Amino acid sequence: MPKMKSNSGAKKRFSVTGTGRLKRKKAFHSHILTKKSPKRKRNLRETTLVDPADEPRMKRLILA
């Protein structure tokens, strides 16, 4: 049986932290930024962790 391939798109979007959690960027920060407040845009710059409920699925994509 051939090896499983990891998802290339997911590899580029998620990174694994030292404790094994997944880091992700926030959405809605790519375009149409004029109507968004500076506070909102500033908060969208930060990275956040993937929700624990979604983590097993995302890990399967990048660690396959």
Protein backbone atom coordinates (compact mmCIF):
# COMPACT_ATOMS: atom_id res chain seq x y z
CA MET A 1 0.00 0.00 0.00
CA PRO A 2 1.39 3.46 -0.86
CA LYS A 3 2.28 6.02 1.77
CA MET A 4 -0.34 8.56 2.82
CA LYS A 5 0.30 12.05 1.47
CA SER A 6 0.04 15.03 3.77
CA ASN A 7 -2.16 17.89 2.55
CA SER A 8 0.09 20.55 1.01
CA GLY A 9 -2.41 23.35 1.61
CA ALA A 10 -2.72 22.45 5.30
CA LYS A 11 1.07 22.21 5.66
CA LYS A 12 1.34 25.85 4.58
CA ARG A 13 -1.47 27.08 6.83
CA PHE A 14 -0.80 25.34 10.15
CA SER A 15 2.27 24.93 12.32
CA VAL A 16 2.74 22.67 15.31
CA THR A 17 3.67 24.27 18.65
CA GLY A 18 6.10 22.78 21.14
CA THR A 19 3.26 21.23 23.12
CA GLY A 20 1.71 19.69 20.01
CA ARG A 21 -1.15 22.15 19.48
CA LEU A 22 -1.76 23.70 16.05
CA LYS A 23 -1.24 27.39 15.33
CA ARG A 24 -3.28 29.17 12.66
CA LYS A 25 -3.73 32.66 11.25
CA LYS A 26 -7.03 34.48 11.60
CA ALA A 27 -9.34 34.97 8.63
CA PHE A 28 -10.75 38.25 7.19
CA HIS A 29 -7.43 40.13 7.02
CA SER A 30 -6.65 39.89 3.30
CA HIS A 31 -8.83 42.51 1.59
CA ILE A 32 -11.66 45.04 2.10
CA LEU A 33 -9.78 46.49 5.06
CA THR A 34 -11.10 50.05 4.75
CA LYS A 35 -14.36 49.37 6.56
CA LYS A 36 -12.68 47.41 9.38
CA SER A 37 -11.62 49.31 12.48
CA PRO A 38 -7.92 49.58 13.39
CA LYS A 39 -8.57 47.56 16.55
CA ARG A 40 -10.19 44.77 14.56
CA LYS A 41 -7.35 44.69 12.01
CA ARG A 42 -4.76 44.69 14.79
CA ASN A 43 -6.44 41.72 16.48
CA LEU A 44 -6.62 39.84 13.17
CA ARG A 45 -2.81 40.04 12.85
CA GLU A 46 -2.30 37.72 15.82
CA THR A 47 -2.11 33.96 15.46
CA THR A 48 -4.38 31.71 17.46
CA LEU A 49 -4.72 28.01 18.24
CA VAL A 50 -6.95 25.58 16.39
CA ASP A 51 -10.00 24.59 18.42
CA PRO A 52 -9.50 21.29 20.29
CA ALA A 53 -12.56 19.80 18.52
CA ASP A 54 -10.98 20.38 15.08
CA GLU A 55 -7.41 19.49 16.05
CA PRO A 56 -7.47 15.72 15.30
CA ARG A 57 -8.77 16.35 11.76
CA MET A 58 -6.20 19.06 11.04
CA LYS A 59 -3.35 16.94 12.43
CA ARG A 60 -4.38 14.07 10.17
CA LEU A 61 -4.03 16.42 7.20
CA ILE A 62 -0.55 17.70 8.00
CA LEU A 63 1.03 14.70 9.76
CA ALA A 64 -0.14 12.01 7.34
